Amino acid sequence: MSTSPFTSDDLTALCRLFSCIDNTTLEGSDTSAKVERLCSRSLQMVDKARGVGPVAAVCVYPVFVKLAVRLLRGSGIRVASVAGAFPAGQSPIAIKVAEVRYAVEQGADEIDMVISRGALIEGDEQRVYDEIASIREATQHKTLKVILETGELLSPTLITRASEIAIAAGADFIKTSTGKIAVSATPDAAQIMLHVIRCHHQKTGRWVGFKAAGGISTPEQALVYYRQAISVYGEEQFSNQFFRIGASRLTERLYTLLT
């Protein structure tokens, strides 16, 4: 007879964590049918008796936002869209802003943008700040998640500066990764980012959210980030308003475990 590796406290945490998932499909092979399946499954993954679900958001490319908005209307599940030259960020700012505006016009509730890592590595912090601020304005007060792509930053110092710049420029969340490079989310990078968030709150009284994304495919991995976040936000403050996990494979595994 097998026994669960999870304690009752773990399962309670995983139930809370499930409602913080951004259920995601971001592939070049995405189709309308695939997005329809993602939205349909996201709507199904609710078990009120066990306190599971729904997920926080569905995250798609801008061309699928209108479809997702229609399918999820009235469910409480938000529609997030990557925009602004995701995942490389290597486009002129006018192009990035135009894509963000398009996603917002299509009905996106949340925008996940990525910073210009090359500019930061070269020391051009002003460009990084200005681009985030321009996209912040283009979001028209929608939730803005700023992806740092920590696996391409070369030191804890750069991760710290990227976090500080993103927050100063108006990020609602800072996010680890695109999930499109070899090194995605890591607990070490998360700890640095959460430290910056804590310091910002101590100075200003304002909380900024944290999103872990990229390579998080098991409940065990997800719990690591949950516990890191809880240590900063505290039990009472913790919610999907301040913590998200970007996931594709994790969502089904977690729902199966909890139900």
C-alpha atoms as a PDB file:
ATOM      1  CA  MET A   1       0.000   0.000   0.000  1.00  0.00           C
ATOM      2  CA  SER A   2       1.539   3.299  -1.106  1.00  0.00           C
ATOM      3  CA  THR A   3       1.447   6.371   1.081  1.00  0.00           C
ATOM      4  CA  SER A   4       1.276   9.980  -0.001  1.00  0.00           C
ATOM      5  CA  PRO A   5       4.513  11.948   0.271  1.00  0.00           C
ATOM      6  CA  PHE A   6       2.434  14.981   1.249  1.00  0.00           C
ATOM      7  CA  THR A   7       1.317  15.897   4.746  1.00  0.00           C
ATOM      8  CA  SER A   8      -2.097  17.376   5.468  1.00  0.00           C
ATOM      9  CA  ASP A   9      -0.418  20.793   5.725  1.00  0.00           C
ATOM     10  CA  ASP A  10       1.156  20.246   2.313  1.00  0.00           C
ATOM     11  CA  LEU A  11      -2.215  19.413   0.776  1.00  0.00           C
ATOM     12  CA  THR A  12      -3.791  22.495   2.341  1.00  0.00           C
ATOM     13  CA  ALA A  13      -0.972  24.588   0.877  1.00  0.00           C
ATOM     14  CA  LEU A  14      -1.398  22.972  -2.534  1.00  0.00           C
ATOM     15  CA  CYS A  15      -5.118  23.765  -2.499  1.00  0.00           C
ATOM     16  CA  ARG A  16      -4.285  27.424  -1.874  1.00  0.00           C
ATOM     17  CA  LEU A  17      -1.583  27.299  -4.493  1.00  0.00           C
ATOM     18  CA  PHE A  18      -3.939  25.885  -7.141  1.00  0.00           C
ATOM     19  CA  SER A  19      -5.927  29.118  -7.106  1.00  0.00           C
ATOM     20  CA  CYS A  20      -2.675  30.984  -7.872  1.00  0.00           C
ATOM     21  CA  ILE A  21      -1.951  29.164 -11.149  1.00  0.00           C
ATOM     22  CA  ASP A  22      -1.801  30.948 -14.487  1.00  0.00           C
ATOM     23  CA  ASN A  23      -2.795  27.995 -16.700  1.00  0.00           C
ATOM     24  CA  THR A  24      -0.655  28.542 -19.747  1.00  0.00           C
ATOM     25  CA  THR A  25      -0.142  27.650 -23.384  1.00  0.00           C
ATOM     26  CA  LEU A  26       2.574  29.601 -25.195  1.00  0.00           C
ATOM     27  CA  GLU A  27       3.698  27.528 -28.164  1.00  0.00           C
ATOM     28  CA  GLY A  28       4.208  28.370 -31.798  1.00  0.00           C
ATOM     29  CA  SER A  29       1.874  25.475 -32.540  1.00  0.00           C
ATOM     30  CA  ASP A  30      -1.027  26.933 -30.513  1.00  0.00           C
ATOM     31  CA  THR A  31      -4.367  26.853 -32.312  1.00  0.00           C
ATOM     32  CA  SER A  32      -7.854  28.107 -31.529  1.00  0.00           C
ATOM     33  CA  ALA A  33      -8.851  24.531 -30.732  1.00  0.00           C
ATOM     34  CA  LYS A  34      -5.978  24.166 -28.256  1.00  0.00           C
ATOM     35  CA  VAL A  35      -6.918  27.410 -26.493  1.00  0.00           C
ATOM     36  CA  GLU A  36     -10.545  26.290 -26.382  1.00  0.00           C
ATOM     37  CA  ARG A  37      -9.466  23.046 -24.700  1.00  0.00           C
ATOM     38  CA  LEU A  38      -7.321  24.957 -22.210  1.00  0.00           C
ATOM     39  CA  CYS A  39     -10.184  27.272 -21.284  1.00  0.00           C
ATOM     40  CA  SER A  40     -12.694  24.440 -21.101  1.00  0.00           C
ATOM     41  CA  ARG A  41     -10.443  22.382 -18.866  1.00  0.00           C
ATOM     42  CA  SER A  42      -9.690  25.402 -16.664  1.00  0.00           C
ATOM     43  CA  LEU A  43     -13.437  25.882 -16.149  1.00  0.00           C
ATOM     44  CA  GLN A  44     -13.832  22.209 -15.232  1.00  0.00           C
ATOM     45  CA  MET A  45     -11.036  22.098 -12.674  1.00  0.00           C
ATOM     46  CA  VAL A  46     -13.079  23.193  -9.673  1.00  0.00           C
ATOM     47  CA  ASP A  47     -13.992  21.037  -6.692  1.00  0.00           C
ATOM     48  CA  LYS A  48     -15.760  23.232  -4.159  1.00  0.00           C
ATOM     49  CA  ALA A  49     -16.155  20.400  -1.676  1.00  0.00           C
ATOM     50  CA  ARG A  50     -12.383  20.036  -1.462  1.00  0.00           C
ATOM     51  CA  GLY A  51     -11.652  23.755  -1.748  1.00  0.00           C
ATOM     52  CA  VAL A  52      -9.907  23.400  -5.092  1.00  0.00           C
ATOM     53  CA  GLY A  53      -9.971  25.963  -7.882  1.00  0.00           C
ATOM     54  CA  PRO A  54     -10.536  27.795  -9.972  1.00  0.00           C
ATOM     55  CA  VAL A  55      -7.139  28.777 -11.371  1.00  0.00           C
ATOM     56  CA  ALA A  56      -6.277  32.473 -11.269  1.00  0.00           C
ATOM     57  CA  ALA A  57      -5.867  33.016 -14.994  1.00  0.00           C
ATOM     58  CA  VAL A  58      -5.392  31.518 -18.415  1.00  0.00           C
ATOM     59  CA  CYS A  59      -2.320  32.870 -20.228  1.00  0.00           C
ATOM     60  CA  VAL A  60      -2.157  32.947 -24.033  1.00  0.00           C
ATOM     61  CA  TYR A  61      -0.646  34.845 -26.935  1.00  0.00           C
ATOM     62  CA  PRO A  62      -2.384  38.092 -27.957  1.00  0.00           C
ATOM     63  CA  VAL A  63      -4.098  36.589 -31.011  1.00  0.00           C
ATOM     64  CA  PHE A  64      -6.039  34.232 -28.726  1.00  0.00           C
ATOM     65  CA  VAL A  65      -7.099  36.782 -26.105  1.00  0.00           C
ATOM     66  CA  LYS A  66     -10.488  37.576 -27.628  1.00  0.00           C
ATOM     67  CA  LEU A  67     -11.349  33.876 -27.806  1.00  0.00           C
ATOM     68  CA  ALA A  68     -10.270  33.244 -24.211  1.00  0.00           C
ATOM     69  CA  VAL A  69     -12.240  36.256 -22.970  1.00  0.00           C
ATOM     70  CA  ARG A  70     -15.391  34.925 -24.631  1.00  0.00           C
ATOM     71  CA  LEU A  71     -14.954  31.414 -23.265  1.00  0.00           C
ATOM     72  CA  LEU A  72     -14.122  32.488 -19.700  1.00  0.00           C
ATOM     73  CA  ARG A  73     -16.617  35.338 -19.338  1.00  0.00           C
ATOM     74  CA  GLY A  74     -18.348  35.284 -15.963  1.00  0.00           C
ATOM     75  CA  SER A  75     -16.122  32.547 -14.515  1.00  0.00           C
ATOM     76  CA  GLY A  76     -13.829  34.727 -12.423  1.00  0.00           C
ATOM     77  CA  ILE A  77     -10.817  33.316 -14.303  1.00  0.00           C
ATOM     78  CA  ARG A  78      -8.769  36.179 -15.679  1.00  0.00           C
ATOM     79  CA  VAL A  79      -7.219  36.319 -19.147  1.00  0.00           C
ATOM     80  CA  ALA A  80      -3.492  37.041 -19.229  1.00  0.00           C
ATOM     81  CA  SER A  81      -1.504  37.680 -22.375  1.00  0.00           C
ATOM     82  CA  VAL A  82       2.202  37.774 -23.041  1.00  0.00           C
ATOM     83  CA  ALA A  83       2.945  40.873 -25.092  1.00  0.00           C
ATOM     84  CA  GLY A  84       5.792  43.225 -25.916  1.00  0.00           C
ATOM     85  CA  ALA A  85       7.972  40.959 -28.099  1.00  0.00           C
ATOM     86  CA  PHE A  86       7.779  37.899 -25.856  1.00  0.00           C
ATOM     87  CA  PRO A  87      10.005  35.959 -25.284  1.00  0.00           C
ATOM     88  CA  ALA A  88      13.168  37.697 -26.559  1.00  0.00           C
ATOM     89  CA  GLY A  89      12.157  41.310 -26.081  1.00  0.00           C
ATOM     90  CA  GLN A  90      14.256  42.258 -29.080  1.00  0.00           C
ATOM     91  CA  SER A  91      11.934  44.669 -30.861  1.00  0.00           C
ATOM     92  CA  PRO A  92      11.650  48.461 -30.940  1.00  0.00           C
ATOM     93  CA  ILE A  93       9.631  49.881 -28.071  1.00  0.00           C
ATOM     94  CA  ALA A  94       6.962  51.177 -30.473  1.00  0.00           C
ATOM     95  CA  ILE A  95       6.328  47.615 -31.640  1.00  0.00           C
ATOM     96  CA  LYS A  96       6.217  46.346 -28.066  1.00  0.00           C
ATOM     97  CA  VAL A  97       3.749  49.022 -26.999  1.00  0.00           C
ATOM     98  CA  ALA A  98       1.541  48.384 -30.049  1.00  0.00           C
ATOM     99  CA  GLU A  99       1.316  44.690 -29.193  1.00  0.00           C
ATOM    100  CA  VAL A 100       0.441  45.456 -25.582  1.00  0.00           C
ATOM    101  CA  ARG A 101      -2.283  47.857 -26.685  1.00  0.00           C
ATOM    102  CA  TYR A 102      -3.640  45.218 -29.046  1.00  0.00           C
ATOM    103  CA  ALA A 103      -3.841  42.635 -26.235  1.00  0.00           C
ATOM    104  CA  VAL A 104      -5.621  45.137 -23.973  1.00  0.00           C
ATOM    105  CA  GLU A 105      -8.061  46.074 -26.747  1.00  0.00           C
ATOM    106  CA  GLN A 106      -8.816  42.382 -27.226  1.00  0.00           C
ATOM    107  CA  GLY A 107      -9.833  42.209 -23.579  1.00  0.00           C
ATOM    108  CA  ALA A 108      -6.783  40.995 -21.643  1.00  0.00           C
ATOM    109  CA  ASP A 109      -7.015  41.500 -17.885  1.00  0.00           C
ATOM    110  CA  GLU A 110      -3.273  41.036 -17.381  1.00  0.00           C
ATOM    111  CA  ILE A 111      -0.115  41.605 -19.440  1.00  0.00           C
ATOM    112  CA  ASP A 112       3.081  39.578 -19.012  1.00  0.00           C
ATOM    113  CA  MET A 113       5.955  41.526 -20.593  1.00  0.00           C
ATOM    114  CA  VAL A 114       9.679  40.768 -20.675  1.00  0.00           C
ATOM    115  CA  ILE A 115      12.484  43.228 -20.074  1.00  0.00           C
ATOM    116  CA  SER A 116      15.361  43.944 -22.460  1.00  0.00           C
ATOM    117  CA  ARG A 117      17.977  41.790 -20.785  1.00  0.00           C
ATOM    118  CA  GLY A 118      20.726  42.836 -23.168  1.00  0.00           C
ATOM    119  CA  ALA A 119      20.220  46.478 -22.272  1.00  0.00           C
ATOM    120  CA  LEU A 120      20.450  45.676 -18.572  1.00  0.00           C
ATOM    121  CA  ILE A 121      23.598  43.583 -19.054  1.00  0.00           C
ATOM    122  CA  GLU A 122      25.156  46.482 -20.982  1.00  0.00           C
ATOM    123  CA  GLY A 123      24.347  48.818 -18.101  1.00  0.00           C
ATOM    124  CA  ASP A 124      21.573  50.776 -19.826  1.00  0.00           C
ATOM    125  CA  GLU A 125      19.215  50.804 -16.852  1.00  0.00           C
ATOM    126  CA  GLN A 126      17.399  53.901 -18.102  1.00  0.00           C
ATOM    127  CA  ARG A 127      16.275  52.112 -21.266  1.00  0.00           C
ATOM    128  CA  VAL A 128      14.992  49.181 -19.223  1.00  0.00           C
ATOM    129  CA  TYR A 129      13.060  51.529 -16.937  1.00  0.00           C
ATOM    130  CA  ASP A 130      11.662  53.618 -19.801  1.00  0.00           C
ATOM    131  CA  GLU A 131      10.440  50.573 -21.716  1.00  0.00           C
ATOM    132  CA  ILE A 132       8.646  49.143 -18.692  1.00  0.00           C
ATOM    133  CA  ALA A 133       7.126  52.550 -17.926  1.00  0.00           C
ATOM    134  CA  SER A 134       5.896  52.892 -21.523  1.00  0.00           C
ATOM    135  CA  ILE A 135       4.299  49.470 -21.410  1.00  0.00           C
ATOM    136  CA  ARG A 136       2.852  50.266 -17.984  1.00  0.00           C
ATOM    137  CA  GLU A 137       1.074  53.233 -19.552  1.00  0.00           C
ATOM    138  CA  ALA A 138      -0.147  51.136 -22.490  1.00  0.00           C
ATOM    139  CA  THR A 139      -1.757  48.566 -20.188  1.00  0.00           C
ATOM    140  CA  GLN A 140      -4.406  51.119 -19.156  1.00  0.00           C
ATOM    141  CA  HIS A 141      -4.326  50.010 -15.518  1.00  0.00           C
ATOM    142  CA  LYS A 142      -4.500  46.282 -16.275  1.00  0.00           C
ATOM    143  CA  THR A 143      -2.289  44.048 -14.142  1.00  0.00           C
ATOM    144  CA  LEU A 144       1.323  44.166 -15.348  1.00  0.00           C
ATOM    145  CA  LYS A 145       3.703  41.294 -14.736  1.00  0.00           C
ATOM    146  CA  VAL A 146       7.313  42.049 -15.640  1.00  0.00           C
ATOM    147  CA  ILE A 147       9.410  39.035 -16.626  1.00  0.00           C
ATOM    148  CA  LEU A 148      13.090  39.381 -15.699  1.00  0.00           C
ATOM    149  CA  GLU A 149      14.311  36.173 -17.400  1.00  0.00           C
ATOM    150  CA  THR A 150      16.654  35.560 -14.499  1.00  0.00           C
ATOM    151  CA  GLY A 151      18.413  32.674 -16.266  1.00  0.00           C
ATOM    152  CA  GLU A 152      19.948  35.186 -18.685  1.00  0.00           C
ATOM    153  CA  LEU A 153      21.046  37.627 -16.026  1.00  0.00           C
ATOM    154  CA  LEU A 154      24.608  37.068 -14.963  1.00  0.00           C
ATOM    155  CA  SER A 155      24.667  37.707 -11.228  1.00  0.00           C
ATOM    156  CA  PRO A 156      22.520  38.207  -8.125  1.00  0.00           C
ATOM    157  CA  THR A 157      23.284  41.915  -8.479  1.00  0.00           C
ATOM    158  CA  LEU A 158      21.644  42.057 -11.914  1.00  0.00           C
ATOM    159  CA  ILE A 159      18.597  40.133 -10.685  1.00  0.00           C
ATOM    160  CA  THR A 160      18.326  42.604  -7.815  1.00  0.00           C
ATOM    161  CA  ARG A 161      18.611  45.612 -10.106  1.00  0.00           C
ATOM    162  CA  ALA A 162      16.127  44.170 -12.597  1.00  0.00           C
ATOM    163  CA  SER A 163      13.656  43.648  -9.748  1.00  0.00           C
ATOM    164  CA  GLU A 164      14.161  47.161  -8.394  1.00  0.00           C
ATOM    165  CA  ILE A 165      13.841  48.790 -11.816  1.00  0.00           C
ATOM    166  CA  ALA A 166      10.690  46.842 -12.682  1.00  0.00           C
ATOM    167  CA  ILE A 167       9.038  47.800  -9.410  1.00  0.00           C
ATOM    168  CA  ALA A 168      10.052  51.450  -9.751  1.00  0.00           C
ATOM    169  CA  ALA A 169       8.609  51.528 -13.277  1.00  0.00           C
ATOM    170  CA  GLY A 170       5.221  50.292 -12.101  1.00  0.00           C
ATOM    171  CA  ALA A 171       5.187  46.488 -12.124  1.00  0.00           C
ATOM    172  CA  ASP A 172       2.318  44.844 -10.251  1.00  0.00           C
ATOM    173  CA  PHE A 173       4.242  41.550 -10.295  1.00  0.00           C
ATOM    174  CA  ILE A 174       7.809  40.604 -10.996  1.00  0.00           C
ATOM    175  CA  LYS A 175       8.157  37.238 -12.712  1.00  0.00           C
ATOM    176  CA  THR A 176      11.122  34.904 -12.982  1.00  0.00           C
ATOM    177  CA  SER A 177      11.118  33.564 -16.497  1.00  0.00           C
ATOM    178  CA  THR A 178       9.558  33.065 -19.923  1.00  0.00           C
ATOM    179  CA  GLY A 179       9.991  29.296 -19.777  1.00  0.00           C
ATOM    180  CA  LYS A 180      11.708  29.486 -23.163  1.00  0.00           C
ATOM    181  CA  ILE A 181      15.358  29.089 -22.134  1.00  0.00           C
ATOM    182  CA  ALA A 182      17.338  26.301 -20.470  1.00  0.00           C
ATOM    183  CA  VAL A 183      17.470  27.942 -17.016  1.00  0.00           C
ATOM    184  CA  SER A 184      14.016  29.060 -15.954  1.00  0.00           C
ATOM    185  CA  ALA A 185      12.682  29.596 -12.429  1.00  0.00           C
ATOM    186  CA  THR A 186      15.081  28.772  -9.593  1.00  0.00           C
ATOM    187  CA  PRO A 187      14.594  29.101  -5.842  1.00  0.00           C
ATOM    188  CA  ASP A 188      17.785  31.178  -5.636  1.00  0.00           C
ATOM    189  CA  ALA A 189      16.463  33.769  -8.094  1.00  0.00           C
ATOM    190  CA  ALA A 190      13.081  33.722  -6.381  1.00  0.00           C
ATOM    191  CA  GLN A 191      14.695  34.457  -3.033  1.00  0.00           C
ATOM    192  CA  ILE A 192      16.474  37.517  -4.445  1.00  0.00           C
ATOM    193  CA  MET A 193      13.293  38.833  -6.040  1.00  0.00           C
ATOM    194  CA  LEU A 194      11.231  38.278  -2.904  1.00  0.00           C
ATOM    195  CA  HIS A 195      13.860  40.060  -0.834  1.00  0.00           C
ATOM    196  CA  VAL A 196      13.512  43.109  -3.093  1.00  0.00           C
ATOM    197  CA  ILE A 197       9.725  42.909  -2.747  1.00  0.00           C
ATOM    198  CA  ARG A 198      10.016  42.776   1.052  1.00  0.00           C
ATOM    199  CA  CYS A 199      12.386  45.757   1.122  1.00  0.00           C
ATOM    200  CA  HIS A 200      10.068  47.744  -1.146  1.00  0.00           C
ATOM    201  CA  HIS A 201       7.136  47.045   1.160  1.00  0.00           C
ATOM    202  CA  GLN A 202       9.142  48.079   4.211  1.00  0.00           C
ATOM    203  CA  LYS A 203      10.027  51.389   2.542  1.00  0.00           C
ATOM    204  CA  THR A 204       6.695  52.237   0.921  1.00  0.00           C
ATOM    205  CA  GLY A 205       3.977  50.057   2.457  1.00  0.00           C
ATOM    206  CA  ARG A 206       3.135  48.747  -1.040  1.00  0.00           C
ATOM    207  CA  TRP A 207       3.217  45.047  -1.855  1.00  0.00           C
ATOM    208  CA  VAL A 208       4.294  43.898  -5.300  1.00  0.00           C
ATOM    209  CA  GLY A 209       3.384  40.404  -6.447  1.00  0.00           C
ATOM    210  CA  PHE A 210       5.733  37.551  -7.340  1.00  0.00           C
ATOM    211  CA  LYS A 211       5.272  35.030 -10.138  1.00  0.00           C
ATOM    212  CA  ALA A 212       7.383  31.907 -10.573  1.00  0.00           C
ATOM    213  CA  ALA A 213       7.277  30.434 -14.072  1.00  0.00           C
ATOM    214  CA  GLY A 214       9.258  28.086 -16.255  1.00  0.00           C
ATOM    215  CA  GLY A 215      10.005  24.443 -15.561  1.00  0.00           C
ATOM    216  CA  ILE A 216       7.687  24.089 -12.560  1.00  0.00           C
ATOM    217  CA  SER A 217       5.998  20.788 -13.319  1.00  0.00           C
ATOM    218  CA  THR A 218       5.567  18.971  -9.994  1.00  0.00           C
ATOM    219  CA  PRO A 219       3.708  19.741  -6.752  1.00  0.00           C
ATOM    220  CA  GLU A 220       6.991  19.384  -4.858  1.00  0.00           C
ATOM    221  CA  GLN A 221       8.595  22.130  -6.938  1.00  0.00           C
ATOM    222  CA  ALA A 222       5.558  24.366  -6.573  1.00  0.00           C
ATOM    223  CA  LEU A 223       5.613  24.016  -2.783  1.00  0.00           C
ATOM    224  CA  VAL A 224       9.148  25.403  -2.672  1.00  0.00           C
ATOM    225  CA  TYR A 225       7.997  28.679  -4.237  1.00  0.00           C
ATOM    226  CA  TYR A 226       4.816  28.754  -2.172  1.00  0.00           C
ATOM    227  CA  ARG A 227       6.821  28.505   1.043  1.00  0.00           C
ATOM    228  CA  GLN A 228       9.239  31.179  -0.103  1.00  0.00           C
ATOM    229  CA  ALA A 229       6.326  33.496  -0.853  1.00  0.00           C
ATOM    230  CA  ILE A 230       4.542  32.775   2.427  1.00  0.00           C
ATOM    231  CA  SER A 231       7.711  33.709   4.308  1.00  0.00           C
ATOM    232  CA  VAL A 232       7.517  37.183   2.763  1.00  0.00           C
ATOM    233  CA  TYR A 233       3.796  37.921   2.458  1.00  0.00           C
ATOM    234  CA  GLY A 234       2.613  36.009   5.515  1.00  0.00           C
ATOM    235  CA  GLU A 235      -0.382  33.675   5.804  1.00  0.00           C
ATOM    236  CA  GLU A 236      -3.014  36.398   6.028  1.00  0.00           C
ATOM    237  CA  GLN A 237      -1.676  38.454   3.123  1.00  0.00           C
ATOM    238  CA  PHE A 238      -1.154  35.485   0.811  1.00  0.00           C
ATOM    239  CA  SER A 239      -3.478  35.249  -2.200  1.00  0.00           C
ATOM    240  CA  ASN A 240      -3.347  35.176  -5.984  1.00  0.00           C
ATOM    241  CA  GLN A 241      -3.337  38.965  -5.829  1.00  0.00           C
ATOM    242  CA  PHE A 242       0.323  38.688  -4.852  1.00  0.00           C
ATOM    243  CA  PHE A 243       1.474  35.198  -5.847  1.00  0.00           C
ATOM    244  CA  ARG A 244       1.220  33.313  -9.125  1.00  0.00           C
ATOM    245  CA  ILE A 245       2.748  30.229 -10.674  1.00  0.00           C
ATOM    246  CA  GLY A 246       2.892  29.940 -14.456  1.00  0.00           C
ATOM    247  CA  ALA A 247       2.155  26.337 -15.341  1.00  0.00           C
ATOM    248  CA  SER A 248       1.052  23.931 -18.013  1.00  0.00           C
ATOM    249  CA  ARG A 249       1.977  20.386 -16.929  1.00  0.00           C
ATOM    250  CA  LEU A 250       1.643  21.218 -13.221  1.00  0.00           C
ATOM    251  CA  THR A 251      -2.038  22.127 -13.401  1.00  0.00           C
ATOM    252  CA  GLU A 252      -3.357  18.689 -14.337  1.00  0.00           C
ATOM    253  CA  ARG A 253      -0.977  16.893 -11.979  1.00  0.00           C
ATOM    254  CA  LEU A 254      -1.988  19.075  -9.079  1.00  0.00           C
ATOM    255  CA  TYR A 255      -5.707  18.798  -9.754  1.00  0.00           C
ATOM    256  CA  THR A 256      -5.453  15.015  -9.929  1.00  0.00           C
ATOM    257  CA  LEU A 257      -3.578  14.953  -6.639  1.00  0.00           C
ATOM    258  CA  LEU A 258      -6.070  17.178  -4.840  1.00  0.00           C
ATOM    259  CA  THR A 259      -9.256  15.534  -6.101  1.00  0.00           C
END
